[in-house]
Structures are given as C-alpha cells and as structure tokens.
Amino acid sequence: MMKLLVPAVVASAVLAAAGGAHAQATVKEDGQWRAALGAAYTASGGNTRSTTLSGMADAVRATAGDKTSLYASTLYGSSQGSKTADQWRLGAKHDRNLSSQLYVFGLLEGERDDIAALDSRATLGGGAGWKFFNTDALKFEVFGGVGYVADRYDAPRLIDGAVRRSYSYATLLAGEESVHKLGQSTTARQRLTVYPNLSNRGEYRLTWDAGIAVPATQSFNLTAGVNLRYNSDPGSGVKRTDTLVTAGVQVKFD
C-alpha cells in the first residue's frame, strides 16, 4: 500500500501546487518508495502588498540495480494585485546500473511559465553517467547524453532569427549531481545540467538546483534552496535568467 501511496501523494501535491521549498527524499537501495514534500510562503502588507508561494516534491525508489526519481516544483507570486510569477516544472528520471559506477539513464521533463509566455516545454533525453563517490557521506556523479526539446509559446516571438509559435531542436545534455551528509542528519544536495542546442551552436539552456535540509524532528525538516534557470535565447522581451531563493519546511515520507 505504501509503495502505491507515496507516488500518488507526490503527484497530487504537484497538481495542487502544494509542493516544497527544496524537497529531498531519502535514498536507500531497498526498493521502497520514499518522498519529501515542502513549502515556502512569504507575504507583505502596507505600502507594498505581495505574496509568494513556492513548492517542491521529490520521490525516489532505489535498488542495487536501478533508481527511479520523480521531481516537481511550482511557484506563484503576486504584487500589488498583479501576477509576478506562475510556473511549474516536473520530471522523471530512471537510472539502470551497468556496474558499481557506470549507469545509463532516460529522462522526461516538462515545464510551463506563464509570465515568460512559455505555454509548454517538453524535454526527452537519455545517456550515461559515472558515479565517482557513492557512500552515505558523499554521493557525486557526472552524466551526459542527447535529448530533444519541444517549446510552444502563448504568442509568436522572435526565436533563432525567425518569428515562431513553436521551436523544437536536438540538444546535448551534460551535468553533475552531488549529495552531502553534514554531521548526523543534515543533508545538502545540488544538481547542474547544461543543454547545448545542436541545431544552433552557441545557444544553450542551464539549470542549477541546490538546497539544504536540517532536521527538526524525525520526519520534519527546515529547508533552504536556490533554483537558477538560464536560457541564452529566450525570445524578445523575456529575461535570460530566472532565480529563486527559498526558505521553508519539509515533510518526509520514509
């Protein structure tokens, strides 16, 4: 029952925009689903009225032979009655171990950003990775491969020298990921991924997510996180970089 319940809880939380500030599910190679949900909320009144709600969700099932990861984030903000942020991202990644260090993977990711007029972005990719460290105290790996990206926009925009309503292209993907255990139970995680455009050299996207979780109780953590997204050619009138800094709480389902 728990194996079915945890992924369902994560999916429901994402669709309801009730994720976490920087969720970090526990990774144990026992074939059990584990999840983490968190949230961060800020509000101000008086001369400036604004609210911001951010969330993330993370679920992992790992064995000695493979690992499946589900992840998602959402952000909504308003200031003086005007919407300032409305975006979500979700994805899935499956790793299959070929040895204690070498693995192959496949991933599928989707996102939407209403403020940037991005109606949808789908990324399908696959490749291989190498685990340099895989201990309780430190996990560090690098990965690379190829992918395909399909963008759709709310309105036509200038992309790659032409006015387009949609834009699809092949891409490379390369990155690194690490998990650090600080002391008895504090955990820090970061992941960097770069997507060079194979159809137009010089263009690329970059994502970086980092966070730390400090336990308050056995299943309740205090969290802080940084999320950065960069697009070298997002289209006319759209900023290249999006940055989110959060502090919030997290509930773990171990």
C-alpha atoms as a PDB file:
ATOM      1  CA  MET A   1       0.000   0.000   0.000  1.00  0.00           C
ATOM      2  CA  MET A   2       2.810   2.396   0.909  1.00  0.00           C
ATOM      3  CA  LYS A   3       4.544   1.688  -2.428  1.00  0.00           C
ATOM      4  CA  LEU A   4       1.469   2.940  -4.296  1.00  0.00           C
ATOM      5  CA  LEU A   5       0.540   5.713  -1.882  1.00  0.00           C
ATOM      6  CA  VAL A   6       3.775   7.715  -1.897  1.00  0.00           C
ATOM      7  CA  PRO A   7       3.939   8.379  -5.679  1.00  0.00           C
ATOM      8  CA  ALA A   8       0.233   9.231  -5.645  1.00  0.00           C
ATOM      9  CA  VAL A   9       0.728  11.707  -2.810  1.00  0.00           C
ATOM     10  CA  VAL A  10       3.579  13.371  -4.707  1.00  0.00           C
ATOM     11  CA  ALA A  11       1.583  13.655  -7.924  1.00  0.00           C
ATOM     12  CA  SER A  12      -1.456  15.053  -6.131  1.00  0.00           C
ATOM     13  CA  ALA A  13       0.649  17.612  -4.310  1.00  0.00           C
ATOM     14  CA  VAL A  14       2.228  18.803  -7.549  1.00  0.00           C
ATOM     15  CA  LEU A  15      -1.096  19.192  -9.324  1.00  0.00           C
ATOM     16  CA  ALA A  16      -2.490  21.061  -6.335  1.00  0.00           C
ATOM     17  CA  ALA A  17       0.594  23.357  -6.229  1.00  0.00           C
ATOM     18  CA  ALA A  18       1.420  22.347  -2.702  1.00  0.00           C
ATOM     19  CA  GLY A  19       4.978  21.183  -3.061  1.00  0.00           C
ATOM     20  CA  GLY A  20       8.055  22.187  -1.060  1.00  0.00           C
ATOM     21  CA  ALA A  21      10.834  24.713  -0.702  1.00  0.00           C
ATOM     22  CA  HIS A  22      13.541  22.204  -1.630  1.00  0.00           C
ATOM     23  CA  ALA A  23      12.382  18.641  -1.124  1.00  0.00           C
ATOM     24  CA  GLN A  24      14.985  15.908  -0.610  1.00  0.00           C
ATOM     25  CA  ALA A  25      13.766  12.328  -0.475  1.00  0.00           C
ATOM     26  CA  THR A  26      15.928   9.803   1.363  1.00  0.00           C
ATOM     27  CA  VAL A  27      17.775   7.412  -0.976  1.00  0.00           C
ATOM     28  CA  LYS A  28      18.136   3.824   0.249  1.00  0.00           C
ATOM     29  CA  GLU A  29      18.726   0.824  -2.008  1.00  0.00           C
ATOM     30  CA  ASP A  30      15.899  -1.302  -0.607  1.00  0.00           C
ATOM     31  CA  GLY A  31      13.248  -0.994  -3.347  1.00  0.00           C
ATOM     32  CA  GLN A  32      10.910   1.182  -1.263  1.00  0.00           C
ATOM     33  CA  TRP A  33       9.406   4.495  -2.399  1.00  0.00           C
ATOM     34  CA  ARG A  34      10.419   7.475  -0.273  1.00  0.00           C
ATOM     35  CA  ALA A  35       9.197  11.036  -0.738  1.00  0.00           C
ATOM     36  CA  ALA A  36       9.604  14.554   0.562  1.00  0.00           C
ATOM     37  CA  LEU A  37       7.177  17.472   0.290  1.00  0.00           C
ATOM     38  CA  GLY A  38       7.786  21.046   1.406  1.00  0.00           C
ATOM     39  CA  ALA A  39       6.546  24.614   1.018  1.00  0.00           C
ATOM     40  CA  ALA A  40       7.656  28.208   1.441  1.00  0.00           C
ATOM     41  CA  TYR A  41       5.363  31.222   1.723  1.00  0.00           C
ATOM     42  CA  THR A  42       6.036  34.932   2.115  1.00  0.00           C
ATOM     43  CA  ALA A  43       3.626  37.850   2.355  1.00  0.00           C
ATOM     44  CA  SER A  44       3.898  41.597   2.915  1.00  0.00           C
ATOM     45  CA  GLY A  45       1.317  44.319   3.527  1.00  0.00           C
ATOM     46  CA  GLY A  46       1.155  48.070   3.992  1.00  0.00           C
ATOM     47  CA  ASN A  47       2.643  50.173   1.209  1.00  0.00           C
ATOM     48  CA  THR A  48       3.589  47.057  -0.756  1.00  0.00           C
ATOM     49  CA  ARG A  49       1.232  44.093  -0.880  1.00  0.00           C
ATOM     50  CA  SER A  50       2.838  40.929  -2.214  1.00  0.00           C
ATOM     51  CA  THR A  51       2.683  37.166  -1.760  1.00  0.00           C
ATOM     52  CA  THR A  52       4.907  34.341  -2.961  1.00  0.00           C
ATOM     53  CA  LEU A  53       4.233  30.601  -2.694  1.00  0.00           C
ATOM     54  CA  SER A  54       6.786  28.048  -3.829  1.00  0.00           C
ATOM     55  CA  GLY A  55       6.825  24.299  -3.568  1.00  0.00           C
ATOM     56  CA  MET A  56       8.785  21.195  -4.471  1.00  0.00           C
ATOM     57  CA  ALA A  57       8.220  17.469  -4.332  1.00  0.00           C
ATOM     58  CA  ASP A  58      10.670  14.590  -4.671  1.00  0.00           C
ATOM     59  CA  ALA A  59      10.148  10.812  -4.706  1.00  0.00           C
ATOM     60  CA  VAL A  60      12.805   8.115  -5.130  1.00  0.00           C
ATOM     61  CA  ARG A  61      12.811   4.331  -5.392  1.00  0.00           C
ATOM     62  CA  ALA A  62      16.276   2.729  -5.454  1.00  0.00           C
ATOM     63  CA  THR A  63      17.670  -0.794  -5.571  1.00  0.00           C
ATOM     64  CA  ALA A  64      21.172  -2.153  -6.138  1.00  0.00           C
ATOM     65  CA  GLY A  65      20.378  -2.288  -9.863  1.00  0.00           C
ATOM     66  CA  ASP A  66      18.377   0.845 -10.640  1.00  0.00           C
ATOM     67  CA  LYS A  67      16.874   4.109  -9.369  1.00  0.00           C
ATOM     68  CA  THR A  68      13.674   5.935 -10.334  1.00  0.00           C
ATOM     69  CA  SER A  69      13.278   9.624  -9.442  1.00  0.00           C
ATOM     70  CA  LEU A  70      10.171  11.815  -9.669  1.00  0.00           C
ATOM     71  CA  TYR A  71      10.546  15.542  -9.060  1.00  0.00           C
ATOM     72  CA  ALA A  72       8.481  18.706  -9.395  1.00  0.00           C
ATOM     73  CA  SER A  73       8.371  22.368  -8.438  1.00  0.00           C
ATOM     74  CA  THR A  74       5.856  25.194  -8.579  1.00  0.00           C
ATOM     75  CA  LEU A  75       5.988  28.944  -7.999  1.00  0.00           C
ATOM     76  CA  TYR A  76       3.263  31.579  -7.778  1.00  0.00           C
ATOM     77  CA  GLY A  77       3.677  35.247  -6.879  1.00  0.00           C
ATOM     78  CA  SER A  78       1.718  38.491  -6.967  1.00  0.00           C
ATOM     79  CA  SER A  79       2.481  42.114  -6.110  1.00  0.00           C
ATOM     80  CA  GLN A  80       0.021  44.999  -5.810  1.00  0.00           C
ATOM     81  CA  GLY A  81      -2.676  42.789  -7.338  1.00  0.00           C
ATOM     82  CA  SER A  82      -0.629  41.827 -10.392  1.00  0.00           C
ATOM     83  CA  LYS A  83       0.719  38.348 -11.025  1.00  0.00           C
ATOM     84  CA  THR A  84       4.514  38.254 -10.912  1.00  0.00           C
ATOM     85  CA  ALA A  85       5.176  34.502 -11.165  1.00  0.00           C
ATOM     86  CA  ASP A  86       3.224  31.478 -12.341  1.00  0.00           C
ATOM     87  CA  GLN A  87       5.304  28.461 -13.287  1.00  0.00           C
ATOM     88  CA  TRP A  88       5.635  24.742 -12.740  1.00  0.00           C
ATOM     89  CA  ARG A  89       8.149  22.063 -13.632  1.00  0.00           C
ATOM     90  CA  LEU A  90       8.023  18.282 -13.303  1.00  0.00           C
ATOM     91  CA  GLY A  91      10.052  15.330 -14.470  1.00  0.00           C
ATOM     92  CA  ALA A  92      11.037  11.705 -14.164  1.00  0.00           C
ATOM     93  CA  LYS A  93      14.437  10.008 -14.497  1.00  0.00           C
ATOM     94  CA  HIS A  94      15.333   6.327 -14.485  1.00  0.00           C
ATOM     95  CA  ASP A  95      18.881   5.040 -13.957  1.00  0.00           C
ATOM     96  CA  ARG A  96      19.982   1.475 -14.742  1.00  0.00           C
ATOM     97  CA  ASN A  97      23.305   0.366 -13.258  1.00  0.00           C
ATOM     98  CA  LEU A  98      25.743  -1.426 -15.564  1.00  0.00           C
ATOM     99  CA  SER A  99      28.388  -1.664 -12.840  1.00  0.00           C
ATOM    100  CA  SER A 100      29.005  -0.190  -9.391  1.00  0.00           C
ATOM    101  CA  GLN A 101      29.992   3.103 -11.075  1.00  0.00           C
ATOM    102  CA  LEU A 102      28.622   3.150 -14.651  1.00  0.00           C
ATOM    103  CA  TYR A 103      24.921   3.580 -15.414  1.00  0.00           C
ATOM    104  CA  VAL A 104      22.605   4.532 -18.273  1.00  0.00           C
ATOM    105  CA  PHE A 105      19.539   6.735 -17.887  1.00  0.00           C
ATOM    106  CA  GLY A 106      16.441   8.125 -19.548  1.00  0.00           C
ATOM    107  CA  LEU A 107      14.525  11.234 -18.548  1.00  0.00           C
ATOM    108  CA  LEU A 108      11.368  13.141 -19.400  1.00  0.00           C
ATOM    109  CA  GLU A 109      10.751  16.710 -18.178  1.00  0.00           C
ATOM    110  CA  GLY A 110       8.002  19.286 -18.709  1.00  0.00           C
ATOM    111  CA  GLU A 111       7.533  22.897 -17.689  1.00  0.00           C
ATOM    112  CA  ARG A 112       5.344  25.959 -18.136  1.00  0.00           C
ATOM    113  CA  ASP A 113       5.982  29.641 -17.367  1.00  0.00           C
ATOM    114  CA  ASP A 114       3.014  31.958 -17.780  1.00  0.00           C
ATOM    115  CA  ILE A 115       4.970  35.179 -17.144  1.00  0.00           C
ATOM    116  CA  ALA A 116       7.551  34.254 -19.803  1.00  0.00           C
ATOM    117  CA  ALA A 117       4.693  33.275 -22.186  1.00  0.00           C
ATOM    118  CA  LEU A 118       6.038  29.711 -22.357  1.00  0.00           C
ATOM    119  CA  ASP A 119       2.968  27.573 -22.904  1.00  0.00           C
ATOM    120  CA  SER A 120       4.919  24.318 -22.576  1.00  0.00           C
ATOM    121  CA  ARG A 121       8.387  22.832 -22.861  1.00  0.00           C
ATOM    122  CA  ALA A 122       8.970  19.080 -23.122  1.00  0.00           C
ATOM    123  CA  THR A 123      12.422  17.527 -22.892  1.00  0.00           C
ATOM    124  CA  LEU A 124      13.155  13.871 -23.701  1.00  0.00           C
ATOM    125  CA  GLY A 125      16.685  12.585 -23.222  1.00  0.00           C
ATOM    126  CA  GLY A 126      18.994   9.738 -22.382  1.00  0.00           C
ATOM    127  CA  GLY A 127      22.647   8.919 -21.877  1.00  0.00           C
ATOM    128  CA  ALA A 128      25.168   7.538 -19.418  1.00  0.00           C
ATOM    129  CA  GLY A 129      26.666   8.548 -16.096  1.00  0.00           C
ATOM    130  CA  TRP A 130      29.582   7.715 -13.807  1.00  0.00           C
ATOM    131  CA  LYS A 131      29.469   7.583 -10.004  1.00  0.00           C
ATOM    132  CA  PHE A 132      32.725   8.858  -8.541  1.00  0.00           C
ATOM    133  CA  PHE A 133      31.509   8.533  -4.942  1.00  0.00           C
ATOM    134  CA  ASN A 134      28.518   6.576  -3.656  1.00  0.00           C
ATOM    135  CA  THR A 135      28.677   6.498   0.132  1.00  0.00           C
ATOM    136  CA  ASP A 136      26.340   7.673   2.892  1.00  0.00           C
ATOM    137  CA  ALA A 137      28.542  10.712   3.488  1.00  0.00           C
ATOM    138  CA  LEU A 138      29.022  11.712  -0.163  1.00  0.00           C
ATOM    139  CA  LYS A 139      27.391  10.873  -3.465  1.00  0.00           C
ATOM    140  CA  PHE A 140      28.859  12.513  -6.583  1.00  0.00           C
ATOM    141  CA  GLU A 141      28.246  11.646 -10.219  1.00  0.00           C
ATOM    142  CA  VAL A 142      28.545  13.148 -13.695  1.00  0.00           C
ATOM    143  CA  PHE A 143      26.321  12.374 -16.683  1.00  0.00           C
ATOM    144  CA  GLY A 144      25.947  13.186 -20.363  1.00  0.00           C
ATOM    145  CA  GLY A 145      23.805  12.314 -23.338  1.00  0.00           C
ATOM    146  CA  VAL A 146      21.477  13.637 -26.013  1.00  0.00           C
ATOM    147  CA  GLY A 147      17.909  14.891 -25.995  1.00  0.00           C
ATOM    148  CA  TYR A 148      15.085  16.578 -27.871  1.00  0.00           C
ATOM    149  CA  VAL A 149      13.319  19.760 -26.750  1.00  0.00           C
ATOM    150  CA  ALA A 150       9.919  20.995 -27.951  1.00  0.00           C
ATOM    151  CA  ASP A 151       8.725  24.511 -26.962  1.00  0.00           C
ATOM    152  CA  ARG A 152       5.336  26.120 -27.510  1.00  0.00           C
ATOM    153  CA  TYR A 153       4.618  29.801 -26.804  1.00  0.00           C
ATOM    154  CA  ASP A 154       1.469  31.718 -25.952  1.00  0.00           C
ATOM    155  CA  ALA A 155       2.139  34.103 -28.849  1.00  0.00           C
ATOM    156  CA  PRO A 156       4.620  34.281 -31.755  1.00  0.00           C
ATOM    157  CA  ARG A 157       8.058  35.557 -30.769  1.00  0.00           C
ATOM    158  CA  LEU A 158      11.475  36.087 -32.326  1.00  0.00           C
ATOM    159  CA  ILE A 159      13.494  32.897 -31.754  1.00  0.00           C
ATOM    160  CA  ASP A 160      16.696  31.976 -33.591  1.00  0.00           C
ATOM    161  CA  GLY A 161      16.237  34.736 -36.178  1.00  0.00           C
ATOM    162  CA  ALA A 162      12.602  33.968 -37.033  1.00  0.00           C
ATOM    163  CA  VAL A 163       9.145  34.666 -35.575  1.00  0.00           C
ATOM    164  CA  ARG A 164       7.834  31.377 -34.219  1.00  0.00           C
ATOM    165  CA  ARG A 165       4.909  29.979 -32.230  1.00  0.00           C
ATOM    166  CA  SER A 166       6.857  26.780 -31.509  1.00  0.00           C
ATOM    167  CA  TYR A 167      10.508  25.734 -31.577  1.00  0.00           C
ATOM    168  CA  SER A 168      11.945  22.210 -31.466  1.00  0.00           C
ATOM    169  CA  TYR A 169      15.564  21.131 -31.577  1.00  0.00           C
ATOM    170  CA  ALA A 170      18.045  18.393 -30.720  1.00  0.00           C
ATOM    171  CA  THR A 171      20.287  19.021 -27.750  1.00  0.00           C
ATOM    172  CA  LEU A 172      23.198  17.623 -25.852  1.00  0.00           C
ATOM    173  CA  LEU A 173      22.851  17.327 -22.083  1.00  0.00           C
ATOM    174  CA  ALA A 174      25.654  17.249 -19.564  1.00  0.00           C
ATOM    175  CA  GLY A 175      25.755  17.724 -15.829  1.00  0.00           C
ATOM    176  CA  GLU A 176      26.740  16.683 -12.359  1.00  0.00           C
ATOM    177  CA  GLU A 177      24.906  15.932  -9.134  1.00  0.00           C
ATOM    178  CA  SER A 178      26.006  15.523  -5.527  1.00  0.00           C
ATOM    179  CA  VAL A 179      24.502  14.764  -2.130  1.00  0.00           C
ATOM    180  CA  HIS A 180      26.442  15.648   1.019  1.00  0.00           C
ATOM    181  CA  LYS A 181      25.676  14.460   4.535  1.00  0.00           C
ATOM    182  CA  LEU A 182      26.758  17.103   7.042  1.00  0.00           C
ATOM    183  CA  GLY A 183      27.005  15.768  10.566  1.00  0.00           C
ATOM    184  CA  GLN A 184      24.492  13.155  11.703  1.00  0.00           C
ATOM    185  CA  SER A 185      21.454  14.106   9.637  1.00  0.00           C
ATOM    186  CA  THR A 186      21.779  17.453   7.814  1.00  0.00           C
ATOM    187  CA  THR A 187      21.778  16.921   4.036  1.00  0.00           C
ATOM    188  CA  ALA A 188      22.834  19.207   1.182  1.00  0.00           C
ATOM    189  CA  ARG A 189      22.123  18.487  -2.475  1.00  0.00           C
ATOM    190  CA  GLN A 190      22.905  20.216  -5.749  1.00  0.00           C
ATOM    191  CA  ARG A 191      22.443  19.424  -9.440  1.00  0.00           C
ATOM    192  CA  LEU A 192      23.729  21.269 -12.518  1.00  0.00           C
ATOM    193  CA  THR A 193      22.582  20.459 -16.074  1.00  0.00           C
ATOM    194  CA  VAL A 194      23.525  22.185 -19.341  1.00  0.00           C
ATOM    195  CA  TYR A 195      21.570  21.723 -22.595  1.00  0.00           C
ATOM    196  CA  PRO A 196      23.611  22.924 -25.637  1.00  0.00           C
ATOM    197  CA  ASN A 197      21.461  23.435 -28.765  1.00  0.00           C
ATOM    198  CA  LEU A 198      22.670  21.151 -31.586  1.00  0.00           C
ATOM    199  CA  SER A 199      20.560  22.955 -34.196  1.00  0.00           C
ATOM    200  CA  ASN A 200      22.098  26.355 -33.455  1.00  0.00           C
ATOM    201  CA  ARG A 201      25.587  26.311 -31.983  1.00  0.00           C
ATOM    202  CA  GLY A 202      26.189  28.841 -29.241  1.00  0.00           C
ATOM    203  CA  GLU A 203      22.677  28.621 -27.810  1.00  0.00           C
ATOM    204  CA  TYR A 204      22.094  26.675 -24.614  1.00  0.00           C
ATOM    205  CA  ARG A 205      19.974  26.307 -21.502  1.00  0.00           C
ATOM    206  CA  LEU A 206      21.271  25.779 -17.976  1.00  0.00           C
ATOM    207  CA  THR A 207      19.566  24.684 -14.765  1.00  0.00           C
ATOM    208  CA  TRP A 208      21.014  24.571 -11.265  1.00  0.00           C
ATOM    209  CA  ASP A 209      19.191  23.464  -8.120  1.00  0.00           C
ATOM    210  CA  ALA A 210      20.734  23.422  -4.651  1.00  0.00           C
ATOM    211  CA  GLY A 211      19.340  23.027  -1.177  1.00  0.00           C
ATOM    212  CA  ILE A 212      19.963  22.030   2.400  1.00  0.00           C
ATOM    213  CA  ALA A 213      17.676  20.254   4.855  1.00  0.00           C
ATOM    214  CA  VAL A 214      18.162  20.494   8.621  1.00  0.00           C
ATOM    215  CA  PRO A 215      16.070  18.098  10.740  1.00  0.00           C
ATOM    216  CA  ALA A 216      13.727  19.490  13.370  1.00  0.00           C
ATOM    217  CA  THR A 217      12.105  16.110  14.118  1.00  0.00           C
ATOM    218  CA  GLN A 218      12.413  12.632  12.612  1.00  0.00           C
ATOM    219  CA  SER A 219      10.105  13.486   9.683  1.00  0.00           C
ATOM    220  CA  PHE A 220      10.096  17.303   9.703  1.00  0.00           C
ATOM    221  CA  ASN A 221      12.923  19.436   8.273  1.00  0.00           C
ATOM    222  CA  LEU A 222      13.769  23.099   7.901  1.00  0.00           C
ATOM    223  CA  THR A 223      14.991  23.830   4.376  1.00  0.00           C
ATOM    224  CA  ALA A 224      16.645  26.462   2.214  1.00  0.00           C
ATOM    225  CA  GLY A 225      17.190  26.325  -1.532  1.00  0.00           C
ATOM    226  CA  VAL A 226      18.369  28.117  -4.651  1.00  0.00           C
ATOM    227  CA  ASN A 227      16.999  27.441  -8.138  1.00  0.00           C
ATOM    228  CA  LEU A 228      18.500  29.024 -11.242  1.00  0.00           C
ATOM    229  CA  ARG A 229      17.350  28.775 -14.865  1.00  0.00           C
ATOM    230  CA  TYR A 230      19.233  30.351 -17.797  1.00  0.00           C
ATOM    231  CA  ASN A 231      18.288  30.463 -21.490  1.00  0.00           C
ATOM    232  CA  SER A 232      20.706  32.121 -23.912  1.00  0.00           C
ATOM    233  CA  ASP A 233      17.868  32.857 -26.388  1.00  0.00           C
ATOM    234  CA  PRO A 234      14.502  33.003 -24.577  1.00  0.00           C
ATOM    235  CA  GLY A 235      12.948  35.300 -27.183  1.00  0.00           C
ATOM    236  CA  SER A 236      12.403  39.036 -27.420  1.00  0.00           C
ATOM    237  CA  GLY A 237      11.132  40.734 -24.263  1.00  0.00           C
ATOM    238  CA  VAL A 238      11.994  37.819 -21.964  1.00  0.00           C
ATOM    239  CA  LYS A 239      14.863  37.832 -19.451  1.00  0.00           C
ATOM    240  CA  ARG A 240      17.520  35.174 -19.826  1.00  0.00           C
ATOM    241  CA  THR A 241      17.856  34.293 -16.126  1.00  0.00           C
ATOM    242  CA  ASP A 242      15.302  33.249 -13.511  1.00  0.00           C
ATOM    243  CA  THR A 243      16.463  32.859  -9.895  1.00  0.00           C
ATOM    244  CA  LEU A 244      14.501  31.664  -6.874  1.00  0.00           C
ATOM    245  CA  VAL A 245      15.753  31.637  -3.275  1.00  0.00           C
ATOM    246  CA  THR A 246      13.539  29.917  -0.705  1.00  0.00           C
ATOM    247  CA  ALA A 247      13.396  29.033   2.977  1.00  0.00           C
ATOM    248  CA  GLY A 248      10.662  26.775   4.258  1.00  0.00           C
ATOM    249  CA  VAL A 249       9.646  23.462   5.766  1.00  0.00           C
ATOM    250  CA  GLN A 250       9.631  19.854   4.579  1.00  0.00           C
ATOM    251  CA  VAL A 251       7.813  16.668   5.489  1.00  0.00           C
ATOM    252  CA  LYS A 252       9.447  13.334   4.667  1.00  0.00           C
ATOM    253  CA  PHE A 253       7.698  10.020   3.970  1.00  0.00           C
ATOM    254  CA  ASP A 254      10.288   7.363   4.820  1.00  0.00           C
END
